[in-house]
N, C-alpha and C. Protein backbone atom coordinates (compact mmCIF):
# COMPACT_ATOMS: atom_id res chain seq x y z
N MET A 1 104.95 124.12 111.95
CA MET A 1 104.01 123.62 110.97
C MET A 1 103.66 122.17 111.33
N ALA A 2 102.39 121.87 111.31
CA ALA A 2 101.93 120.55 111.71
C ALA A 2 102.29 119.48 110.70
N ASP A 3 102.34 119.84 109.42
CA ASP A 3 102.59 118.84 108.38
C ASP A 3 103.66 119.35 107.43
N GLU A 4 104.72 118.61 107.29
CA GLU A 4 105.81 118.98 106.41
C GLU A 4 105.39 118.81 104.95
N LEU A 5 105.83 119.72 104.11
CA LEU A 5 105.57 119.63 102.68
C LEU A 5 106.86 119.20 101.99
N LEU A 6 106.76 118.15 101.18
CA LEU A 6 107.92 117.58 100.50
C LEU A 6 107.95 118.00 99.04
N THR A 7 109.15 118.22 98.53
CA THR A 7 109.32 118.50 97.11
C THR A 7 109.24 117.18 96.35
N ILE A 8 109.08 117.28 95.04
CA ILE A 8 109.03 116.07 94.20
C ILE A 8 110.34 115.28 94.31
N PRO A 9 111.51 115.93 94.26
CA PRO A 9 112.74 115.14 94.44
C PRO A 9 112.82 114.43 95.80
N GLU A 10 112.28 115.04 96.84
CA GLU A 10 112.26 114.38 98.16
C GLU A 10 111.35 113.15 98.13
N VAL A 11 110.19 113.28 97.48
CA VAL A 11 109.28 112.14 97.34
C VAL A 11 109.94 111.04 96.51
N MET A 12 110.60 111.43 95.44
CA MET A 12 111.31 110.46 94.60
C MET A 12 112.34 109.69 95.42
N ALA A 13 113.08 110.39 96.24
CA ALA A 13 114.11 109.75 97.06
C ALA A 13 113.50 108.81 98.09
N ARG A 14 112.43 109.24 98.73
CA ARG A 14 111.81 108.40 99.76
C ARG A 14 111.16 107.15 99.19
N LEU A 15 110.57 107.27 98.00
CA LEU A 15 109.93 106.12 97.37
C LEU A 15 110.89 105.34 96.46
N ARG A 16 112.04 105.96 96.17
CA ARG A 16 113.01 105.38 95.24
C ARG A 16 112.37 105.10 93.89
N LEU A 17 111.65 106.12 93.42
CA LEU A 17 110.98 106.07 92.12
C LEU A 17 111.44 107.24 91.27
N GLY A 18 111.22 107.15 89.98
CA GLY A 18 111.57 108.22 89.07
C GLY A 18 110.54 109.34 89.07
N ARG A 19 110.95 110.46 88.50
CA ARG A 19 110.09 111.65 88.45
C ARG A 19 108.77 111.37 87.74
N SER A 20 108.81 110.70 86.59
CA SER A 20 107.58 110.47 85.83
C SER A 20 106.63 109.56 86.61
N THR A 21 107.15 108.59 87.34
CA THR A 21 106.29 107.71 88.13
C THR A 21 105.61 108.48 89.26
N VAL A 22 106.35 109.37 89.91
CA VAL A 22 105.76 110.18 90.98
C VAL A 22 104.67 111.09 90.41
N TYR A 23 104.95 111.72 89.27
CA TYR A 23 103.93 112.58 88.65
C TYR A 23 102.73 111.76 88.18
N ASP A 24 102.95 110.53 87.73
CA ASP A 24 101.82 109.66 87.36
C ASP A 24 100.95 109.37 88.58
N LEU A 25 101.56 109.13 89.73
CA LEU A 25 100.80 108.89 90.96
C LEU A 25 100.00 110.13 91.34
N ILE A 26 100.59 111.30 91.16
CA ILE A 26 99.89 112.55 91.47
C ILE A 26 98.74 112.76 90.48
N ARG A 27 99.03 112.56 89.19
CA ARG A 27 98.02 112.77 88.15
C ARG A 27 96.82 111.83 88.33
N SER A 28 97.08 110.60 88.77
CA SER A 28 96.00 109.63 88.97
C SER A 28 95.32 109.80 90.33
N ARG A 29 95.76 110.78 91.08
CA ARG A 29 95.20 111.12 92.40
C ARG A 29 95.43 110.03 93.45
N ARG A 30 96.38 109.16 93.20
CA ARG A 30 96.74 108.16 94.22
C ARG A 30 97.63 108.78 95.27
N LEU A 31 98.35 109.85 94.90
CA LEU A 31 99.23 110.58 95.82
C LEU A 31 98.80 112.04 95.81
N PRO A 32 98.13 112.49 96.86
CA PRO A 32 97.66 113.88 96.92
C PRO A 32 98.82 114.88 96.94
N SER A 33 98.60 116.02 96.31
CA SER A 33 99.61 117.07 96.31
C SER A 33 98.90 118.42 96.22
N LEU A 34 99.69 119.47 96.36
CA LEU A 34 99.15 120.82 96.21
C LEU A 34 100.17 121.66 95.48
N THR A 35 99.67 122.73 94.89
CA THR A 35 100.53 123.64 94.15
C THR A 35 100.56 124.98 94.87
N ILE A 36 101.77 125.46 95.11
CA ILE A 36 101.96 126.78 95.71
C ILE A 36 102.76 127.59 94.68
N GLY A 37 102.09 128.54 94.06
CA GLY A 37 102.73 129.25 92.96
C GLY A 37 102.95 128.26 91.82
N ARG A 38 104.21 128.06 91.45
CA ARG A 38 104.55 127.08 90.42
C ARG A 38 105.14 125.81 91.02
N ALA A 39 105.21 125.76 92.35
CA ALA A 39 105.86 124.63 93.02
C ALA A 39 104.83 123.57 93.44
N ARG A 40 105.12 122.33 93.11
CA ARG A 40 104.27 121.20 93.51
C ARG A 40 104.85 120.63 94.80
N ARG A 41 103.98 120.42 95.80
CA ARG A 41 104.40 119.86 97.08
C ARG A 41 103.48 118.72 97.48
N VAL A 42 104.06 117.74 98.19
CA VAL A 42 103.31 116.59 98.68
C VAL A 42 103.38 116.63 100.21
N PRO A 43 102.24 116.68 100.88
CA PRO A 43 102.27 116.64 102.34
C PRO A 43 102.87 115.31 102.82
N ALA A 44 103.73 115.39 103.82
CA ALA A 44 104.39 114.18 104.35
C ALA A 44 103.34 113.17 104.81
N ARG A 45 102.25 113.65 105.38
CA ARG A 45 101.19 112.74 105.83
C ARG A 45 100.57 111.99 104.65
N ALA A 46 100.39 112.68 103.52
CA ALA A 46 99.83 112.03 102.33
C ALA A 46 100.78 110.93 101.83
N LEU A 47 102.08 111.19 101.92
CA LEU A 47 103.05 110.17 101.50
C LEU A 47 102.99 108.97 102.44
N ARG A 48 102.92 109.22 103.75
CA ARG A 48 102.81 108.11 104.72
C ARG A 48 101.54 107.31 104.48
N ASP A 49 100.43 107.99 104.23
CA ASP A 49 99.16 107.30 103.95
C ASP A 49 99.25 106.46 102.68
N PHE A 50 99.90 107.00 101.65
CA PHE A 50 100.08 106.27 100.40
C PHE A 50 100.88 104.99 100.65
N ILE A 51 101.96 105.10 101.40
CA ILE A 51 102.80 103.93 101.70
C ILE A 51 102.00 102.91 102.51
N ASP A 52 101.25 103.36 103.50
CA ASP A 52 100.42 102.46 104.31
C ASP A 52 99.40 101.74 103.43
N ASP A 53 98.78 102.48 102.50
CA ASP A 53 97.80 101.85 101.58
C ASP A 53 98.46 100.79 100.71
N GLN A 54 99.66 101.07 100.23
CA GLN A 54 100.37 100.11 99.39
C GLN A 54 100.73 98.85 100.17
N ILE A 55 101.11 99.02 101.43
CA ILE A 55 101.42 97.87 102.28
C ILE A 55 100.16 97.06 102.52
N GLY A 56 99.03 97.75 102.76
CA GLY A 56 97.75 97.07 102.97
C GLY A 56 97.30 96.29 101.77
N GLU A 57 97.51 96.85 100.57
CA GLU A 57 97.11 96.15 99.34
C GLU A 57 97.99 94.94 99.08
N ALA A 58 99.24 95.00 99.50
CA ALA A 58 100.17 93.90 99.25
C ALA A 58 99.93 92.73 100.20
N ALA A 59 99.29 93.00 101.31
CA ALA A 59 99.08 91.94 102.31
C ALA A 59 97.95 91.00 101.94
């Protein structure tokens, strides 16, 4: 698979944020995600892009 799909707990661990904050980022469309059945997944590339954008905004 070209792009790994991360679970919400994996995203929480990588960003060191709580569940509600991660879902707020998803809800506000700042962090793209997809739903497969009842499972929410975040593409690893989307997470990397989000982090890069945050670094760019902080500079």
